[in-house]
Amino acid sequence: MNLKEALEGKEYIIREIRTDDEELNAFLFSLGCYSGEAITVVSQKKRGCVISVKDARYSIDNQLAEAIII
């Protein structure tokens, strides 16, 4: 299941980042999104979602949300 399908307010553990784009992978890593890290979907939006990683909140688009496998 990817992050786009996650329930709001529930904490998940990232299993993998599924992308062939190295820039996208590096960007997600800089946010703290990598295997084994806890992540929470704060809210779902039409074009993306707001996530909480390591006590920080980020707004990500659907492409990024689909790349994060939980």
PDB file of N, CA and C in Angstrom:
ATOM      1  N   MET A   1       0.859  -1.174   0.000  1.00  0.00           N
ATOM      2  CA  MET A   1       0.000   0.000   0.000  1.00  0.00           C
ATOM      3  C   MET A   1       0.904   1.237   0.000  1.00  0.00           C
ATOM      4  N   ASN A   2       0.509   2.247  -0.744  1.00  0.00           N
ATOM      5  CA  ASN A   2       1.310   3.477  -0.750  1.00  0.00           C
ATOM      6  C   ASN A   2       0.680   4.533   0.159  1.00  0.00           C
ATOM      7  N   LEU A   3       1.391   5.609   0.336  1.00  0.00           N
ATOM      8  CA  LEU A   3       0.968   6.637   1.290  1.00  0.00           C
ATOM      9  C   LEU A   3      -0.332   7.325   0.876  1.00  0.00           C
ATOM     10  N   LYS A   4      -0.615   7.351  -0.397  1.00  0.00           N
ATOM     11  CA  LYS A   4      -1.847   7.978  -0.885  1.00  0.00           C
ATOM     12  C   LYS A   4      -3.091   7.237  -0.372  1.00  0.00           C
ATOM     13  N   GLU A   5      -2.947   5.932  -0.090  1.00  0.00           N
ATOM     14  CA  GLU A   5      -4.058   5.117   0.383  1.00  0.00           C
ATOM     15  C   GLU A   5      -4.135   5.041   1.902  1.00  0.00           C
ATOM     16  N   ALA A   6      -3.234   5.720   2.602  1.00  0.00           N
ATOM     17  CA  ALA A   6      -3.159   5.646   4.064  1.00  0.00           C
ATOM     18  C   ALA A   6      -4.311   6.402   4.727  1.00  0.00           C
ATOM     19  N   LEU A   7      -4.625   5.992   5.944  1.00  0.00           N
ATOM     20  CA  LEU A   7      -5.649   6.655   6.740  1.00  0.00           C
ATOM     21  C   LEU A   7      -5.043   7.849   7.473  1.00  0.00           C
ATOM     22  N   GLU A   8      -5.816   8.898   7.585  1.00  0.00           N
ATOM     23  CA  GLU A   8      -5.359  10.091   8.309  1.00  0.00           C
ATOM     24  C   GLU A   8      -5.194   9.787   9.791  1.00  0.00           C
ATOM     25  N   GLY A   9      -4.119  10.304  10.379  1.00  0.00           N
ATOM     26  CA  GLY A   9      -3.906  10.190  11.811  1.00  0.00           C
ATOM     27  C   GLY A   9      -3.282   8.888  12.273  1.00  0.00           C
ATOM     28  N   LYS A  10      -3.087   7.930  11.389  1.00  0.00           N
ATOM     29  CA  LYS A  10      -2.499   6.648  11.766  1.00  0.00           C
ATOM     30  C   LYS A  10      -1.009   6.641  11.411  1.00  0.00           C
ATOM     31  N   GLU A  11      -0.182   6.139  12.341  1.00  0.00           N
ATOM     32  CA  GLU A  11       1.258   6.084  12.096  1.00  0.00           C
ATOM     33  C   GLU A  11       1.609   4.806  11.336  1.00  0.00           C
ATOM     34  N   TYR A  12       2.447   4.944  10.339  1.00  0.00           N
ATOM     35  CA  TYR A  12       2.912   3.826   9.530  1.00  0.00           C
ATOM     36  C   TYR A  12       4.439   3.809   9.530  1.00  0.00           C
ATOM     37  N   ILE A  13       4.996   2.672   9.171  1.00  0.00           N
ATOM     38  CA  ILE A  13       6.439   2.544   8.993  1.00  0.00           C
ATOM     39  C   ILE A  13       6.709   2.424   7.490  1.00  0.00           C
ATOM     40  N   ILE A  14       7.633   3.226   7.002  1.00  0.00           N
ATOM     41  CA  ILE A  14       7.977   3.183   5.585  1.00  0.00           C
ATOM     42  C   ILE A  14       8.717   1.878   5.299  1.00  0.00           C
ATOM     43  N   ARG A  15       8.200   1.110   4.332  1.00  0.00           N
ATOM     44  CA  ARG A  15       8.859  -0.145   3.951  1.00  0.00           C
ATOM     45  C   ARG A  15       9.875   0.078   2.844  1.00  0.00           C
ATOM     46  N   GLU A  16       9.533   0.945   1.882  1.00  0.00           N
ATOM     47  CA  GLU A  16      10.474   1.244   0.798  1.00  0.00           C
ATOM     48  C   GLU A  16      10.041   2.504   0.067  1.00  0.00           C
ATOM     49  N   ILE A  17      10.981   3.059  -0.685  1.00  0.00           N
ATOM     50  CA  ILE A  17      10.700   4.169  -1.587  1.00  0.00           C
ATOM     51  C   ILE A  17      10.801   3.578  -2.990  1.00  0.00           C
ATOM     52  N   ARG A  18       9.700   3.586  -3.717  1.00  0.00           N
ATOM     53  CA  ARG A  18       9.656   2.944  -5.033  1.00  0.00           C
ATOM     54  C   ARG A  18       9.674   4.007  -6.122  1.00  0.00           C
ATOM     55  N   THR A  19      10.887   4.338  -6.595  1.00  0.00           N
ATOM     56  CA  THR A  19      11.051   5.293  -7.683  1.00  0.00           C
ATOM     57  C   THR A  19      12.370   5.036  -8.396  1.00  0.00           C
ATOM     58  N   ASP A  20      12.395   5.320  -9.685  1.00  0.00           N
ATOM     59  CA  ASP A  20      13.625   5.206 -10.464  1.00  0.00           C
ATOM     60  C   ASP A  20      14.318   6.554 -10.577  1.00  0.00           C
ATOM     61  N   ASP A  21      13.657   7.606 -10.125  1.00  0.00           N
ATOM     62  CA  ASP A  21      14.187   8.968 -10.197  1.00  0.00           C
ATOM     63  C   ASP A  21      15.095   9.233  -8.994  1.00  0.00           C
ATOM     64  N   GLU A  22      16.391   9.361  -9.239  1.00  0.00           N
ATOM     65  CA  GLU A  22      17.348   9.576  -8.150  1.00  0.00           C
ATOM     66  C   GLU A  22      17.137  10.917  -7.441  1.00  0.00           C
ATOM     67  N   GLU A  23      16.731  11.939  -8.185  1.00  0.00           N
ATOM     68  CA  GLU A  23      16.454  13.249  -7.558  1.00  0.00           C
ATOM     69  C   GLU A  23      15.298  13.150  -6.584  1.00  0.00           C
ATOM     70  N   LEU A  24      14.250  12.455  -6.985  1.00  0.00           N
ATOM     71  CA  LEU A  24      13.085  12.254  -6.130  1.00  0.00           C
ATOM     72  C   LEU A  24      13.467  11.457  -4.892  1.00  0.00           C
ATOM     73  N   ASN A  25      14.256  10.423  -5.082  1.00  0.00           N
ATOM     74  CA  ASN A  25      14.720   9.601  -3.973  1.00  0.00           C
ATOM     75  C   ASN A  25      15.558  10.423  -2.995  1.00  0.00           C
ATOM     76  N   ALA A  26      16.462  11.245  -3.515  1.00  0.00           N
ATOM     77  CA  ALA A  26      17.303  12.096  -2.668  1.00  0.00           C
ATOM     78  C   ALA A  26      16.465  13.134  -1.928  1.00  0.00           C
ATOM     79  N   PHE A  27      15.452  13.688  -2.591  1.00  0.00           N
ATOM     80  CA  PHE A  27      14.581  14.674  -1.953  1.00  0.00           C
ATOM     81  C   PHE A  27      13.823  14.049  -0.787  1.00  0.00           C
ATOM     82  N   LEU A  28      13.249  12.877  -1.014  1.00  0.00           N
ATOM     83  CA  LEU A  28      12.512  12.201   0.055  1.00  0.00           C
ATOM     84  C   LEU A  28      13.441  11.842   1.213  1.00  0.00           C
ATOM     85  N   PHE A  29      14.658  11.425   0.911  1.00  0.00           N
ATOM     86  CA  PHE A  29      15.625  11.110   1.960  1.00  0.00           C
ATOM     87  C   PHE A  29      15.945  12.357   2.781  1.00  0.00           C
ATOM     88  N   SER A  30      16.050  13.512   2.119  1.00  0.00           N
ATOM     89  CA  SER A  30      16.346  14.761   2.840  1.00  0.00           C
ATOM     90  C   SER A  30      15.197  15.161   3.778  1.00  0.00           C
ATOM     91  N   LEU A  31      13.975  14.721   3.468  1.00  0.00           N
ATOM     92  CA  LEU A  31      12.826  14.984   4.346  1.00  0.00           C
ATOM     93  C   LEU A  31      12.771  14.005   5.516  1.00  0.00           C
ATOM     94  N   GLY A  32      13.544  12.925   5.426  1.00  0.00           N
ATOM     95  CA  GLY A  32      13.517  11.901   6.466  1.00  0.00           C
ATOM     96  C   GLY A  32      12.677  10.705   6.077  1.00  0.00           C
ATOM     97  N   CYS A  33      12.303  10.604   4.813  1.00  0.00           N
ATOM     98  CA  CYS A  33      11.492   9.492   4.318  1.00  0.00           C
ATOM     99  C   CYS A  33      12.400   8.400   3.762  1.00  0.00           C
ATOM    100  N   TYR A  34      12.629   7.383   4.568  1.00  0.00           N
ATOM    101  CA  TYR A  34      13.422   6.233   4.137  1.00  0.00           C
ATOM    102  C   TYR A  34      12.957   5.010   4.910  1.00  0.00           C
ATOM    103  N   SER A  35      13.373   3.835   4.479  1.00  0.00           N
ATOM    104  CA  SER A  35      12.922   2.573   5.076  1.00  0.00           C
ATOM    105  C   SER A  35      13.130   2.545   6.579  1.00  0.00           C
ATOM    106  N   GLY A  36      12.102   2.093   7.288  1.00  0.00           N
ATOM    107  CA  GLY A  36      12.171   1.956   8.736  1.00  0.00           C
ATOM    108  C   GLY A  36      11.734   3.185   9.510  1.00  0.00           C
ATOM    109  N   GLU A  37      11.505   4.293   8.839  1.00  0.00           N
ATOM    110  CA  GLU A  37      11.112   5.542   9.505  1.00  0.00           C
ATOM    111  C   GLU A  37       9.597   5.598   9.673  1.00  0.00           C
ATOM    112  N   ALA A  38       9.143   6.133  10.804  1.00  0.00           N
ATOM    113  CA  ALA A  38       7.706   6.306  11.062  1.00  0.00           C
ATOM    114  C   ALA A  38       7.195   7.526  10.303  1.00  0.00           C
ATOM    115  N   ILE A  39       5.976   7.410   9.778  1.00  0.00           N
ATOM    116  CA  ILE A  39       5.359   8.504   9.030  1.00  0.00           C
ATOM    117  C   ILE A  39       3.862   8.518   9.326  1.00  0.00           C
ATOM    118  N   THR A  40       3.285   9.705   9.416  1.00  0.00           N
ATOM    119  CA  THR A  40       1.856   9.860   9.685  1.00  0.00           C
ATOM    120  C   THR A  40       1.253  10.800   8.647  1.00  0.00           C
ATOM    121  N   VAL A  41       0.104  10.415   8.109  1.00  0.00           N
ATOM    122  CA  VAL A  41      -0.631  11.299   7.206  1.00  0.00           C
ATOM    123  C   VAL A  41      -1.509  12.192   8.076  1.00  0.00           C
ATOM    124  N   VAL A  42      -1.232  13.472   8.061  1.00  0.00           N
ATOM    125  CA  VAL A  42      -1.995  14.428   8.860  1.00  0.00           C
ATOM    126  C   VAL A  42      -3.318  14.735   8.179  1.00  0.00           C
ATOM    127  N   SER A  43      -3.279  14.967   6.875  1.00  0.00           N
ATOM    128  CA  SER A  43      -4.517  15.209   6.127  1.00  0.00           C
ATOM    129  C   SER A  43      -4.315  14.861   4.659  1.00  0.00           C
ATOM    130  N   GLN A  44      -5.416  14.457   4.031  1.00  0.00           N
ATOM    131  CA  GLN A  44      -5.415  14.145   2.601  1.00  0.00           C
ATOM    132  C   GLN A  44      -6.005  15.337   1.858  1.00  0.00           C
ATOM    133  N   LYS A  45      -5.379  15.686   0.762  1.00  0.00           N
ATOM    134  CA  LYS A  45      -5.863  16.766  -0.101  1.00  0.00           C
ATOM    135  C   LYS A  45      -6.112  16.204  -1.493  1.00  0.00           C
ATOM    136  N   LYS A  46      -6.732  16.999  -2.338  1.00  0.00           N
ATOM    137  CA  LYS A  46      -7.024  16.557  -3.700  1.00  0.00           C
ATOM    138  C   LYS A  46      -5.738  16.310  -4.494  1.00  0.00           C
ATOM    139  N   ARG A  47      -4.771  17.188  -4.348  1.00  0.00           N
ATOM    140  CA  ARG A  47      -3.533  17.085  -5.127  1.00  0.00           C
ATOM    141  C   ARG A  47      -2.365  16.494  -4.346  1.00  0.00           C
ATOM    142  N   GLY A  48      -2.584  16.061  -3.121  1.00  0.00           N
ATOM    143  CA  GLY A  48      -1.511  15.493  -2.316  1.00  0.00           C
ATOM    144  C   GLY A  48      -1.944  15.298  -0.887  1.00  0.00           C
ATOM    145  N   CYS A  49      -0.970  15.342   0.023  1.00  0.00           N
ATOM    146  CA  CYS A  49      -1.298  15.167   1.430  1.00  0.00           C
ATOM    147  C   CYS A  49      -0.261  15.876   2.303  1.00  0.00           C
ATOM    148  N   VAL A  50      -0.617  16.064   3.547  1.00  0.00           N
ATOM    149  CA  VAL A  50       0.285  16.631   4.541  1.00  0.00           C
ATOM    150  C   VAL A  50       0.749  15.471   5.410  1.00  0.00           C
ATOM    151  N   ILE A  51       2.072  15.340   5.552  1.00  0.00           N
ATOM    152  CA  ILE A  51       2.636  14.242   6.327  1.00  0.00           C
ATOM    153  C   ILE A  51       3.448  14.774   7.497  1.00  0.00           C
ATOM    154  N   SER A  52       3.624  13.932   8.475  1.00  0.00           N
ATOM    155  CA  SER A  52       4.466  14.245   9.621  1.00  0.00           C
ATOM    156  C   SER A  52       5.568  13.191   9.690  1.00  0.00           C
ATOM    157  N   VAL A  53       6.821  13.672   9.635  1.00  0.00           N
ATOM    158  CA  VAL A  53       7.996  12.805   9.718  1.00  0.00           C
ATOM    159  C   VAL A  53       8.979  13.466  10.676  1.00  0.00           C
ATOM    160  N   LYS A  54       9.406  12.735  11.685  1.00  0.00           N
ATOM    161  CA  LYS A  54      10.398  13.249  12.642  1.00  0.00           C
ATOM    162  C   LYS A  54       9.999  14.620  13.205  1.00  0.00           C
ATOM    163  N   ASP A  55       8.794  14.753  13.681  1.00  0.00           N
ATOM    164  CA  ASP A  55       8.281  15.982  14.293  1.00  0.00           C
ATOM    165  C   ASP A  55       8.261  17.191  13.356  1.00  0.00           C
ATOM    166  N   ALA A  56       8.255  16.949  12.052  1.00  0.00           N
ATOM    167  CA  ALA A  56       8.139  18.032  11.068  1.00  0.00           C
ATOM    168  C   ALA A  56       6.973  17.691  10.145  1.00  0.00           C
ATOM    169  N   ARG A  57       6.327  18.713   9.615  1.00  0.00           N
ATOM    170  CA  ARG A  57       5.207  18.505   8.698  1.00  0.00           C
ATOM    171  C   ARG A  57       5.584  19.003   7.310  1.00  0.00           C
ATOM    172  N   TYR A  58       5.176  18.227   6.311  1.00  0.00           N
ATOM    173  CA  TYR A  58       5.454  18.558   4.915  1.00  0.00           C
ATOM    174  C   TYR A  58       4.206  18.332   4.088  1.00  0.00           C
ATOM    175  N   SER A  59       4.047  19.139   3.061  1.00  0.00           N
ATOM    176  CA  SER A  59       2.986  18.940   2.095  1.00  0.00           C
ATOM    177  C   SER A  59       3.626  18.308   0.861  1.00  0.00           C
ATOM    178  N   ILE A  60       3.146  17.136   0.469  1.00  0.00           N
ATOM    179  CA  ILE A  60       3.713  16.456  -0.690  1.00  0.00           C
ATOM    180  C   ILE A  60       2.614  16.195  -1.713  1.00  0.00           C
ATOM    181  N   ASP A  61       2.992  16.122  -2.982  1.00  0.00           N
ATOM    182  CA  ASP A  61       2.005  15.866  -4.026  1.00  0.00           C
ATOM    183  C   ASP A  61       1.752  14.367  -4.172  1.00  0.00           C
ATOM    184  N   ASN A  62       0.799  14.022  -5.009  1.00  0.00           N
ATOM    185  CA  ASN A  62       0.404  12.624  -5.176  1.00  0.00           C
ATOM    186  C   ASN A  62       1.526  11.756  -5.737  1.00  0.00           C
ATOM    187  N   GLN A  63       2.387  12.314  -6.586  1.00  0.00           N
ATOM    188  CA  GLN A  63       3.501  11.549  -7.154  1.00  0.00           C
ATOM    189  C   GLN A  63       4.438  11.091  -6.036  1.00  0.00           C
ATOM    190  N   LEU A  64       4.746  11.979  -5.108  1.00  0.00           N
ATOM    191  CA  LEU A  64       5.603  11.605  -3.973  1.00  0.00           C
ATOM    192  C   LEU A  64       4.896  10.616  -3.061  1.00  0.00           C
ATOM    193  N   ALA A  65       3.615  10.826  -2.808  1.00  0.00           N
ATOM    194  CA  ALA A  65       2.854   9.941  -1.935  1.00  0.00           C
ATOM    195  C   ALA A  65       2.782   8.522  -2.494  1.00  0.00           C
ATOM    196  N   GLU A  66       2.675   8.406  -3.816  1.00  0.00           N
ATOM    197  CA  GLU A  66       2.618   7.081  -4.445  1.00  0.00           C
ATOM    198  C   GLU A  66       3.966   6.369  -4.410  1.00  0.00           C
ATOM    199  N   ALA A  67       5.055   7.099  -4.291  1.00  0.00           N
ATOM    200  CA  ALA A  67       6.387   6.503  -4.264  1.00  0.00           C
ATOM    201  C   ALA A  67       6.737   5.942  -2.888  1.00  0.00           C
ATOM    202  N   ILE A  68       6.024   6.378  -1.842  1.00  0.00           N
ATOM    203  CA  ILE A  68       6.306   5.939  -0.477  1.00  0.00           C
ATOM    204  C   ILE A  68       5.428   4.726  -0.164  1.00  0.00           C
ATOM    205  N   ILE A  69       6.064   3.569   0.001  1.00  0.00           N
ATOM    206  CA  ILE A  69       5.346   2.321   0.263  1.00  0.00           C
ATOM    207  C   ILE A  69       5.371   2.048   1.760  1.00  0.00           C
ATOM    208  N   ILE A  70       4.169   1.817   2.320  1.00  0.00           N
ATOM    209  CA  ILE A  70       4.061   1.582   3.769  1.00  0.00           C
ATOM    210  C   ILE A  70       3.528   0.184   4.035  1.00  0.00           C
TER     211      ILE A  70
END
